[in-house]
Protein backbone atom coordinates (compact mmCIF):
# COMPACT_ATOMS: atom_id res chain seq x y z
CA UNK A 1 0.00 0.00 0.00
CA UNK A 2 1.46 3.38 -0.99
CA UNK A 3 1.20 6.70 0.76
CA UNK A 4 -1.82 7.77 -1.32
CA UNK A 5 -3.55 4.36 -1.29
CA UNK A 6 -6.58 5.97 0.39
CA UNK A 7 -7.15 7.82 -2.89
CA UNK A 8 -7.59 4.54 -4.75
CA UNK A 9 -11.13 3.27 -5.02
CA UNK A 10 -11.70 -0.34 -5.97
CA UNK A 11 -14.82 -1.01 -8.01
CA UNK A 12 -16.12 -4.31 -9.44
CA UNK A 13 -18.54 -4.03 -12.35
CA UNK A 14 -20.74 -6.72 -13.85
CA UNK A 15 -21.48 -4.93 -17.12
CA UNK A 16 -24.48 -6.87 -18.36
CA UNK A 17 -26.71 -6.51 -21.41
CA UNK A 18 -29.80 -6.19 -19.20
CA UNK A 19 -28.44 -4.98 -15.84
CA UNK A 20 -25.23 -3.45 -14.52
CA UNK A 21 -24.21 -4.27 -10.96
CA UNK A 22 -21.44 -2.34 -9.18
CA UNK A 23 -19.75 -3.60 -6.01
CA UNK A 24 -17.85 -1.16 -3.80
CA UNK A 25 -16.46 -1.98 -0.32
CA UNK A 26 -17.86 -5.55 -0.60
CA UNK A 27 -21.40 -4.21 -1.00
CA UNK A 28 -23.69 -4.03 -4.02
CA UNK A 29 -24.10 -0.25 -4.29
CA UNK A 30 -25.61 0.00 -7.79
CA UNK A 31 -27.97 -2.46 -9.46
CA UNK A 32 -29.57 -0.73 -12.42
CA UNK A 33 -30.82 -1.64 -15.92
CA UNK A 34 -28.14 -1.05 -18.60
CA UNK A 35 -29.95 1.76 -20.37
CA UNK A 36 -29.46 5.49 -20.86
CA UNK A 37 -31.83 8.26 -22.02
CA UNK A 38 -30.37 11.14 -24.04
CA UNK A 39 -31.68 14.34 -25.56
CA UNK A 40 -31.44 13.98 -29.34
CA UNK A 41 -30.49 17.59 -30.18
CA UNK A 42 -27.89 18.25 -27.50
CA UNK A 43 -26.78 14.72 -26.52
CA UNK A 44 -27.44 15.69 -22.86
CA UNK A 45 -27.95 12.78 -20.45
CA UNK A 46 -31.51 12.83 -19.11
CA UNK A 47 -31.58 9.59 -17.11
CA UNK A 48 -29.69 6.36 -16.50
CA UNK A 49 -30.79 2.98 -15.17
CA UNK A 50 -34.27 2.56 -13.66
CA UNK A 51 -35.41 6.09 -14.59
CA UNK A 52 -34.33 5.58 -18.21
CA UNK A 53 -36.01 2.15 -18.21
CA UNK A 54 -39.32 3.77 -17.25
CA UNK A 55 -38.98 5.96 -20.37
CA UNK A 56 -38.09 3.03 -22.68
CA UNK A 57 -40.67 2.70 -25.45
CA UNK A 58 -42.55 5.81 -24.26
CA UNK A 59 -40.36 8.65 -25.57
CA UNK A 60 -41.14 11.51 -27.94
CA UNK A 61 -38.86 12.40 -30.84
CA UNK A 62 -36.48 14.61 -28.81
CA UNK A 63 -35.59 11.83 -26.33
CA UNK A 64 -33.98 8.54 -27.25
CA UNK A 65 -33.33 5.59 -24.97
CA UNK A 66 -30.25 3.50 -25.79
CA UNK A 67 -29.15 0.12 -24.52
CA UNK A 68 -25.39 0.42 -25.15
CA UNK A 69 -24.78 -3.33 -24.80
CA UNK A 70 -26.07 -5.94 -27.20
CA UNK A 71 -25.26 -9.66 -26.92
CA UNK A 72 -22.98 -8.97 -23.99
CA UNK A 73 -20.72 -6.54 -25.88
CA UNK A 74 -20.61 -2.77 -26.35
CA UNK A 75 -22.65 -1.82 -29.40
CA UNK A 76 -22.66 1.95 -28.77
CA UNK A 77 -19.27 3.08 -27.50
CA UNK A 78 -20.11 6.65 -26.47
CA UNK A 79 -23.36 5.74 -24.71
CA UNK A 80 -21.57 2.94 -22.83
CA UNK A 81 -18.96 5.40 -21.60
CA UNK A 82 -21.67 7.88 -20.48
CA UNK A 83 -23.58 5.08 -18.76
CA UNK A 84 -20.53 3.70 -16.88
CA UNK A 85 -19.59 7.22 -15.78
CA UNK A 86 -23.11 8.02 -14.51
CA UNK A 87 -23.45 4.67 -12.70
CA UNK A 88 -20.07 5.20 -10.98
CA UNK A 89 -21.36 8.61 -9.81
CA UNK A 90 -24.19 6.76 -8.01
CA UNK A 91 -21.64 5.28 -5.59
CA UNK A 92 -21.74 7.47 -2.50
CA UNK A 93 -18.05 8.08 -2.00
CA UNK A 94 -16.72 10.48 0.64
CA UNK A 95 -15.63 13.65 -1.14
CA UNK A 96 -11.95 14.62 -1.16
CA UNK A 97 -9.82 17.40 -2.71
CA UNK A 98 -8.08 14.95 -5.04
CA UNK A 99 -10.12 12.99 -7.59
CA UNK A 100 -9.96 9.28 -6.69
CA UNK A 101 -8.01 6.76 -8.77
CA UNK A 102 -10.34 3.98 -9.88
CA UNK A 103 -9.14 0.39 -9.92
CA UNK A 104 -11.66 -1.83 -11.72
CA UNK A 105 -12.43 -5.43 -12.50
CA UNK A 106 -15.07 -5.74 -15.22
CA UNK A 107 -16.90 -8.87 -16.23
CA UNK A 108 -17.07 -9.82 -19.94
CA UNK A 109 -18.55 -12.76 -21.94
CA UNK A 110 -16.03 -15.52 -22.67
CA UNK A 111 -16.76 -15.54 -26.40
CA UNK A 112 -15.90 -11.92 -27.23
CA UNK A 113 -13.13 -10.84 -29.57
CA UNK A 114 -10.02 -8.84 -28.66
CA UNK A 115 -11.52 -5.76 -30.35
CA UNK A 116 -14.65 -6.04 -28.18
CA UNK A 117 -12.44 -6.54 -25.09
CA UNK A 118 -10.56 -3.37 -26.00
CA UNK A 119 -13.88 -1.47 -26.31
CA UNK A 120 -14.88 -2.44 -22.74
CA UNK A 121 -11.45 -1.40 -21.43
CA UNK A 122 -11.45 1.90 -23.32
CA UNK A 123 -14.96 2.74 -22.07
CA UNK A 124 -13.84 2.13 -18.47
CA UNK A 125 -10.68 4.20 -18.94
CA UNK A 126 -12.67 7.07 -20.48
CA UNK A 127 -15.00 6.87 -17.47
CA UNK A 128 -12.01 7.49 -15.18
CA UNK A 129 -10.41 4.09 -14.44
CA UNK A 130 -6.64 4.06 -13.99
CA UNK A 131 -6.24 0.27 -13.75
CA UNK A 132 -8.61 -2.16 -15.43
CA UNK A 133 -8.63 -5.95 -15.50
CA UNK A 134 -11.27 -8.13 -17.12
CA UNK A 135 -12.72 -11.43 -15.96
CA UNK A 136 -14.76 -13.90 -18.02
CA UNK A 137 -18.39 -14.32 -16.96
CA UNK A 138 -18.37 -18.10 -16.29
CA UNK A 139 -15.26 -17.71 -14.11
CA UNK A 140 -16.87 -14.86 -12.15
CA UNK A 141 -20.10 -16.90 -11.80
CA UNK A 142 -18.14 -19.92 -10.47
CA UNK A 143 -16.34 -17.75 -7.89
CA UNK A 144 -19.63 -16.06 -6.94
CA UNK A 145 -21.37 -19.42 -6.41
CA UNK A 146 -18.59 -20.39 -3.99
CA UNK A 147 -16.65 -22.90 -6.09
CA UNK A 148 -12.90 -23.10 -5.46
CA UNK A 149 -11.79 -22.48 -9.05
CA UNK A 150 -8.10 -23.18 -8.29
CA UNK A 151 -8.78 -26.84 -7.38
CA UNK A 152 -7.93 -29.64 -9.89
CA UNK A 153 -11.63 -30.51 -10.12
CA UNK A 154 -13.87 -29.95 -13.11
CA UNK A 155 -16.99 -27.81 -12.68
CA UNK A 156 -19.50 -26.89 -15.38
CA UNK A 157 -21.11 -23.46 -15.20
CA UNK A 158 -24.04 -22.22 -17.28
CA UNK A 159 -24.55 -18.46 -17.03
CA UNK A 160 -27.70 -17.32 -18.82
CA UNK A 161 -27.66 -13.53 -18.96
CA UNK A 162 -29.52 -10.94 -21.01
CA UNK A 163 -27.42 -11.11 -24.19
CA UNK A 164 -25.37 -14.32 -24.01
CA UNK A 165 -25.49 -17.78 -22.49
CA UNK A 166 -22.07 -18.94 -21.35
CA UNK A 167 -21.35 -22.63 -20.93
CA UNK A 168 -17.90 -23.35 -19.53
CA UNK A 169 -15.92 -26.09 -17.82
CA UNK A 170 -13.52 -24.70 -15.23
CA UNK A 171 -10.54 -26.37 -13.54
CA UNK A 172 -7.22 -25.21 -12.03
CA UNK A 173 -8.11 -21.52 -12.27
CA UNK A 174 -8.79 -21.58 -16.00
CA UNK A 175 -11.52 -22.23 -18.55
CA UNK A 176 -10.86 -25.63 -20.12
CA UNK A 177 -13.54 -25.28 -22.75
CA UNK A 178 -16.35 -22.85 -23.28
CA UNK A 179 -19.26 -22.21 -25.58
CA UNK A 180 -20.76 -18.74 -25.73
CA UNK A 181 -24.04 -18.46 -27.61
CA UNK A 182 -25.99 -15.30 -28.29
CA UNK A 183 -29.30 -16.79 -27.18
CA UNK A 184 -30.41 -15.54 -23.77
CA UNK A 185 -32.94 -13.35 -21.91
CA UNK A 186 -33.34 -10.78 -24.71
CA UNK A 187 -34.14 -13.57 -27.18
CA UNK A 188 -36.78 -14.93 -24.78
CA UNK A 189 -38.37 -11.45 -24.77
CA UNK A 190 -38.35 -11.26 -28.59
CA UNK A 191 -39.90 -14.76 -28.78
CA UNK A 192 -42.74 -13.53 -26.54
CA UNK A 193 -43.24 -10.36 -28.66
CA UNK A 194 -43.43 -12.47 -31.86
CA UNK A 195 -45.74 -15.03 -30.26
CA UNK A 196 -48.17 -12.33 -29.08
CA UNK A 197 -48.22 -10.82 -32.56
CA UNK A 198 -48.77 -14.14 -34.34
CA UNK A 199 -51.06 -15.89 -31.90
CA UNK A 200 -53.11 -13.09 -30.33
CA UNK A 201 -52.82 -10.27 -32.89
CA UNK A 202 -51.57 -7.98 -30.16
CA UNK A 203 -48.52 -5.72 -30.36
CA UNK A 204 -46.48 -5.41 -27.14
CA UNK A 205 -43.17 -3.76 -26.23
CA UNK A 206 -39.93 -5.14 -24.74
CA UNK A 207 -40.82 -4.12 -21.18
CA UNK A 208 -44.18 -5.91 -21.32
CA UNK A 209 -42.48 -9.01 -22.75
CA UNK A 210 -39.98 -8.92 -19.85
CA UNK A 211 -42.88 -8.73 -17.35
CA UNK A 212 -44.63 -11.68 -19.02
CA UNK A 213 -41.39 -13.71 -18.80
CA UNK A 214 -41.02 -12.91 -15.08
CA UNK A 215 -44.68 -13.48 -14.18
CA UNK A 216 -45.59 -16.55 -16.27
CA UNK A 217 -42.40 -17.61 -18.07
CA UNK A 218 -41.61 -21.34 -18.01
CA UNK A 219 -39.19 -23.71 -19.72
CA UNK A 220 -41.62 -26.63 -19.83
CA UNK A 221 -45.35 -27.29 -19.48
CA UNK A 222 -44.97 -29.84 -16.68
CA UNK A 223 -43.84 -27.71 -13.69
CA UNK A 224 -44.62 -27.66 -9.98
CA UNK A 225 -46.59 -24.70 -8.56
CA UNK A 226 -47.63 -23.18 -11.91
CA UNK A 227 -48.19 -19.40 -11.81
CA UNK A 228 -51.63 -17.86 -12.29
CA UNK A 229 -52.65 -16.46 -15.68
CA UNK A 230 -51.34 -12.99 -16.41
CA UNK A 231 -53.18 -10.02 -17.94
CA UNK A 232 -51.31 -8.52 -20.91
CA UNK A 233 -52.10 -5.06 -22.28
CA UNK A 234 -51.16 -4.04 -25.79
CA UNK A 235 -52.43 -2.71 -29.11
CA UNK A 236 -54.83 -4.80 -31.18
CA UNK A 237 -53.17 -5.13 -34.58
CA UNK A 238 -56.47 -5.29 -36.48
CA UNK A 239 -58.38 -2.39 -34.90
CA UNK A 240 -55.46 -0.38 -33.41
CA UNK A 241 -57.36 -0.13 -30.11
CA UNK A 242 -55.61 -1.03 -26.83
CA UNK A 243 -56.85 -4.31 -25.37
CA UNK A 244 -56.24 -6.87 -22.64
CA UNK A 245 -55.73 -10.61 -23.01
CA UNK A 246 -54.90 -13.35 -20.50
CA UNK A 247 -51.89 -15.61 -21.08
CA UNK A 248 -50.88 -18.73 -19.19
CA UNK A 249 -47.49 -20.29 -18.47
CA UNK A 250 -48.08 -23.25 -20.83
CA UNK A 251 -48.26 -21.07 -23.97
CA UNK A 252 -45.18 -19.09 -22.90
CA UNK A 253 -43.32 -22.39 -22.36
CA UNK A 254 -44.32 -23.34 -25.91
CA UNK A 255 -43.11 -20.06 -27.42
CA UNK A 256 -39.74 -20.20 -25.57
CA UNK A 257 -39.12 -23.83 -26.54
CA UNK A 258 -37.00 -23.03 -29.63
CA UNK A 259 -34.56 -20.73 -27.80
CA UNK A 260 -34.23 -23.10 -24.82
CA UNK A 261 -33.49 -25.96 -27.25
CA UNK A 262 -30.52 -23.92 -28.56
CA UNK A 263 -29.17 -23.61 -24.99
CA UNK A 264 -29.68 -27.37 -24.47
CA UNK A 265 -27.74 -28.11 -27.67
CA UNK A 266 -24.89 -25.84 -26.54
CA UNK A 267 -24.78 -27.60 -23.14
CA UNK A 268 -24.57 -31.02 -24.82
CA UNK A 269 -21.85 -29.71 -27.14
CA UNK A 270 -19.95 -28.37 -24.11
CA UNK A 271 -20.17 -31.79 -22.43
CA UNK A 272 -18.93 -33.49 -25.63
CA UNK A 273 -15.84 -31.24 -25.72
CA UNK A 274 -14.91 -31.93 -22.08
CA UNK A 275 -11.81 -34.10 -21.40
CA UNK A 276 -12.75 -37.50 -19.88
CA UNK A 277 -11.21 -36.87 -16.42
CA UNK A 278 -13.18 -33.65 -16.07
CA UNK A 279 -16.35 -35.39 -17.32
CA UNK A 280 -15.99 -37.79 -14.38
CA UNK A 281 -15.82 -34.80 -12.01
CA UNK A 282 -18.89 -33.18 -13.60
CA UNK A 283 -20.81 -36.44 -13.16
CA UNK A 284 -20.16 -36.13 -9.41
CA UNK A 285 -20.51 -32.35 -8.98
CA UNK A 286 -23.28 -31.70 -11.53
CA UNK A 287 -23.96 -28.48 -13.43
CA UNK A 288 -24.26 -25.02 -11.83
CA UNK A 289 -26.75 -22.45 -13.17
CA UNK A 290 -26.31 -18.69 -12.74
CA UNK A 291 -27.62 -15.50 -14.36
CA UNK A 292 -31.15 -14.12 -14.51
CA UNK A 293 -32.20 -16.64 -17.20
CA UNK A 294 -31.65 -19.54 -14.80
CA UNK A 295 -34.65 -18.29 -12.76
CA UNK A 296 -37.00 -19.38 -15.56
CA UNK A 297 -39.44 -21.87 -14.04
CA UNK A 298 -38.61 -25.51 -14.82
CA UNK A 299 -35.33 -24.77 -16.64
CA UNK A 300 -33.24 -26.73 -14.12
CA UNK A 301 -35.59 -29.72 -14.45
CA UNK A 302 -35.55 -29.55 -18.24
CA UNK A 303 -31.73 -29.54 -18.30
CA UNK A 304 -31.69 -32.41 -15.81
CA UNK A 305 -33.95 -34.48 -18.08
CA UNK A 306 -31.71 -33.70 -21.05
CA UNK A 307 -28.31 -34.35 -19.41
CA UNK A 308 -29.29 -36.78 -16.58
CA UNK A 309 -26.92 -34.75 -14.35
CA UNK A 310 -27.71 -32.95 -11.07
CA UNK A 311 -28.49 -29.25 -11.71
CA UNK A 312 -27.79 -26.67 -8.98
CA UNK A 313 -29.23 -23.16 -9.28
CA UNK A 314 -27.14 -20.47 -7.54
CA UNK A 315 -28.65 -18.93 -4.39
CA UNK A 316 -28.92 -15.43 -5.86
CA UNK A 317 -28.43 -16.16 -9.59
CA UNK A 318 -28.82 -12.52 -10.66
CA UNK A 319 -25.87 -11.40 -8.56
CA UNK A 320 -23.61 -14.48 -8.66
CA UNK A 321 -21.45 -12.97 -11.43
CA UNK A 322 -21.22 -9.61 -9.64
CA UNK A 323 -20.23 -11.31 -6.36
CA UNK A 324 -17.52 -13.28 -8.17
CA UNK A 325 -16.25 -10.07 -9.81
CA UNK A 326 -16.07 -8.49 -6.35
CA UNK A 327 -13.98 -11.39 -5.00
CA UNK A 328 -11.69 -11.15 -8.07
CA UNK A 329 -11.21 -7.44 -7.27
CA UNK A 330 -9.93 -8.35 -3.78
CA UNK A 331 -7.45 -10.75 -5.41
CA UNK A 332 -6.49 -8.21 -8.10
CA UNK A 333 -2.83 -9.29 -8.24
CA UNK A 334 -3.23 -12.88 -7.02
CA UNK A 335 -5.64 -14.30 -9.62
CA UNK A 336 -3.57 -15.05 -12.72
CA UNK A 337 -6.64 -15.58 -14.95
CA UNK A 338 -7.62 -11.89 -14.91
CA UNK A 339 -7.05 -10.29 -18.32
CA UNK A 340 -4.79 -7.24 -18.27
């Protein structure tokens, strides 16, 4: 620790397609949707996070809402930088004369290219970070779940986020093999939007689709404690008049089937690629599920039926990756798998 170490602030960021979680002093201090609202003419920031999410799909022509991340990577560089900067401002840090030096660990999907990695790093540096290291999502999820990643034991992690689903086998502090597919929570939402249009002639927005997924989403028809039917409001595509319809979990399970099948295929492919010794470990330890997508009703059971392996859902799947990123921040110089 140097003389001015008190000026260094350590921040862990799980920069997700749907939500961004920031950990500071071992506490989750920011948990906001990854969205920003800007004024079109001036480029002035109007709102970030929950406030911007409330505007999404309801703006007039002078306000635009942007989700800077798509499929787990930065799609809009400038907006991402604005968003990171504004979210960091939400951390209540004691004020001092000198601006603090930020030391960051940021979580990224395992399947991204070097160019995309560079974009994440540059955005963080533009937002004021002096030192940045990156950690792959499945590794962060494994650490967050409580797995000792340095052990010579194979563990399979499936992290279903908003933009990507990460399937990885981890042993000895490294990813042995991984499959990153761009089928995740956002695709589930689009499936619901399409289904409502085709089946019920009703046009709904992304936010409504997200609510349907949370309230009555399911991975299979045969689930325990099925949720009650849910009232959906949207625009009738024939008359143009707003209307209400009731949907049940069984039809949502049907409309999500195609996307979930893609995740199943990727899991089976991941198991095929695993070295035999690690396959023996996975048979004993099972598969760990993290990320918001793993909260879909019946998904663990469906994967169990497909793989015949025990499936464990993380305690707080939404924050498992963020927790792991926070632990990696504490071991900034010790963990060799962090990307400089």
